[in-house]
Amino acid sequence: MPDLKLPRLPKRTPVKLTIHLPPDLHQTLEDYAAAYAEAYRQREAVAELIPAIVASFLASDRAFSAVRKGKGAGRHGS
């Protein structure tokens, strides 16, 4: 089983997500979904994985965290 950085997704209410992706990124996300299914023995749609992938990326970006803290976390339009 792959040792993925993204943990198993918690139970959640389905949310519809519509985005436009370049074909190569879409394929990469499909490949990730396949690795996720192998790791957790549960298939998840790419659209269900994207919010967790983005959240994980943002949480691990130290420069973004520093900028966000400097501007006041959670404020919009600043």
C-alpha atoms as a PDB file:
ATOM      1  CA  MET A   1       0.000   0.000   0.000  1.00  0.00           C
ATOM      2  CA  PRO A   2       1.301   3.511  -0.773  1.00  0.00           C
ATOM      3  CA  ASP A   3       2.066   5.742   2.181  1.00  0.00           C
ATOM      4  CA  LEU A   4       0.165   8.862   1.102  1.00  0.00           C
ATOM      5  CA  LYS A   5       0.512  12.271   2.713  1.00  0.00           C
ATOM      6  CA  LEU A   6      -3.241  12.796   2.473  1.00  0.00           C
ATOM      7  CA  PRO A   7      -5.075  10.837   5.203  1.00  0.00           C
ATOM      8  CA  ARG A   8      -8.344   9.042   4.579  1.00  0.00           C
ATOM      9  CA  LEU A   9     -11.136  11.563   4.040  1.00  0.00           C
ATOM     10  CA  PRO A  10     -13.647  11.939   6.880  1.00  0.00           C
ATOM     11  CA  LYS A  11     -17.326  11.230   6.271  1.00  0.00           C
ATOM     12  CA  ARG A  12     -18.882  14.281   4.693  1.00  0.00           C
ATOM     13  CA  THR A  13     -21.891  15.632   2.872  1.00  0.00           C
ATOM     14  CA  PRO A  14     -21.284  15.534  -0.892  1.00  0.00           C
ATOM     15  CA  VAL A  15     -20.546  18.901  -2.501  1.00  0.00           C
ATOM     16  CA  LYS A  16     -20.631  19.581  -6.233  1.00  0.00           C
ATOM     17  CA  LEU A  17     -17.403  21.057  -7.579  1.00  0.00           C
ATOM     18  CA  THR A  18     -16.924  22.470 -11.057  1.00  0.00           C
ATOM     19  CA  ILE A  19     -13.450  23.518 -12.237  1.00  0.00           C
ATOM     20  CA  HIS A  20     -11.502  23.571 -15.485  1.00  0.00           C
ATOM     21  CA  LEU A  21      -8.215  21.621 -15.519  1.00  0.00           C
ATOM     22  CA  PRO A  22      -5.557  21.076 -18.128  1.00  0.00           C
ATOM     23  CA  PRO A  23      -5.584  17.456 -19.334  1.00  0.00           C
ATOM     24  CA  ASP A  24      -2.218  16.607 -17.751  1.00  0.00           C
ATOM     25  CA  LEU A  25      -3.340  17.824 -14.312  1.00  0.00           C
ATOM     26  CA  HIS A  26      -6.592  15.903 -14.647  1.00  0.00           C
ATOM     27  CA  GLN A  27      -4.629  12.726 -15.386  1.00  0.00           C
ATOM     28  CA  THR A  28      -2.364  13.362 -12.399  1.00  0.00           C
ATOM     29  CA  LEU A  29      -5.433  13.705 -10.173  1.00  0.00           C
ATOM     30  CA  GLU A  30      -6.910  10.500 -11.616  1.00  0.00           C
ATOM     31  CA  ASP A  31      -3.612   8.746 -10.850  1.00  0.00           C
ATOM     32  CA  TYR A  32      -3.730  10.107  -7.292  1.00  0.00           C
ATOM     33  CA  ALA A  33      -7.313   8.893  -6.885  1.00  0.00           C
ATOM     34  CA  ALA A  34      -6.167   5.421  -7.984  1.00  0.00           C
ATOM     35  CA  ALA A  35      -3.335   5.465  -5.424  1.00  0.00           C
ATOM     36  CA  TYR A  36      -5.810   6.642  -2.765  1.00  0.00           C
ATOM     37  CA  ALA A  37      -8.150   3.761  -3.632  1.00  0.00           C
ATOM     38  CA  GLU A  38      -5.278   1.312  -3.323  1.00  0.00           C
ATOM     39  CA  ALA A  39      -4.120   2.773  -0.012  1.00  0.00           C
ATOM     40  CA  TYR A  40      -7.546   2.921   1.644  1.00  0.00           C
ATOM     41  CA  ARG A  41      -9.471   0.320  -0.378  1.00  0.00           C
ATOM     42  CA  GLN A  42     -12.122   2.916  -1.081  1.00  0.00           C
ATOM     43  CA  ARG A  43     -12.522   4.747  -4.365  1.00  0.00           C
ATOM     44  CA  GLU A  44     -13.150   8.482  -4.122  1.00  0.00           C
ATOM     45  CA  ALA A  45     -14.002  10.775  -7.006  1.00  0.00           C
ATOM     46  CA  VAL A  46     -11.331  13.298  -7.932  1.00  0.00           C
ATOM     47  CA  ALA A  47     -13.787  16.101  -7.106  1.00  0.00           C
ATOM     48  CA  GLU A  48     -14.031  14.721  -3.551  1.00  0.00           C
ATOM     49  CA  LEU A  49     -10.252  14.599  -3.142  1.00  0.00           C
ATOM     50  CA  ILE A  50      -9.453  18.071  -4.513  1.00  0.00           C
ATOM     51  CA  PRO A  51     -10.605  20.080  -1.433  1.00  0.00           C
ATOM     52  CA  ALA A  52      -8.497  17.890   0.876  1.00  0.00           C
ATOM     53  CA  ILE A  53      -5.488  18.092  -1.451  1.00  0.00           C
ATOM     54  CA  VAL A  54      -5.738  21.885  -1.621  1.00  0.00           C
ATOM     55  CA  ALA A  55      -6.212  22.171   2.160  1.00  0.00           C
ATOM     56  CA  SER A  56      -3.185  19.932   2.754  1.00  0.00           C
ATOM     57  CA  PHE A  57      -1.087  21.968   0.344  1.00  0.00           C
ATOM     58  CA  LEU A  58      -2.079  25.278   1.955  1.00  0.00           C
ATOM     59  CA  ALA A  59      -1.494  23.957   5.475  1.00  0.00           C
ATOM     60  CA  SER A  60       2.023  22.844   4.526  1.00  0.00           C
ATOM     61  CA  ASP A  61       3.035  26.115   2.815  1.00  0.00           C
ATOM     62  CA  ARG A  62       5.048  27.956   5.477  1.00  0.00           C
ATOM     63  CA  ALA A  63       5.494  31.105   3.411  1.00  0.00           C
ATOM     64  CA  PHE A  64       1.742  31.348   2.860  1.00  0.00           C
ATOM     65  CA  SER A  65       1.103  30.756   6.573  1.00  0.00           C
ATOM     66  CA  ALA A  66       3.478  33.586   7.471  1.00  0.00           C
ATOM     67  CA  VAL A  67       1.859  35.954   4.981  1.00  0.00           C
ATOM     68  CA  ARG A  68      -1.598  34.967   6.183  1.00  0.00           C
ATOM     69  CA  LYS A  69      -0.683  35.490   9.836  1.00  0.00           C
ATOM     70  CA  GLY A  70       0.801  38.883   8.970  1.00  0.00           C
ATOM     71  CA  LYS A  71      -2.410  39.947   7.236  1.00  0.00           C
ATOM     72  CA  GLY A  72      -4.763  38.487   9.831  1.00  0.00           C
ATOM     73  CA  ALA A  73      -5.950  34.944   9.214  1.00  0.00           C
ATOM     74  CA  GLY A  74      -9.452  34.602   7.937  1.00  0.00           C
ATOM     75  CA  ARG A  75      -9.885  38.182   6.706  1.00  0.00           C
ATOM     76  CA  HIS A  76     -10.996  38.549   3.111  1.00  0.00           C
ATOM     77  CA  GLY A  77     -10.418  41.487   0.819  1.00  0.00           C
ATOM     78  CA  SER A  78      -7.429  42.830   2.729  1.00  0.00           C
END
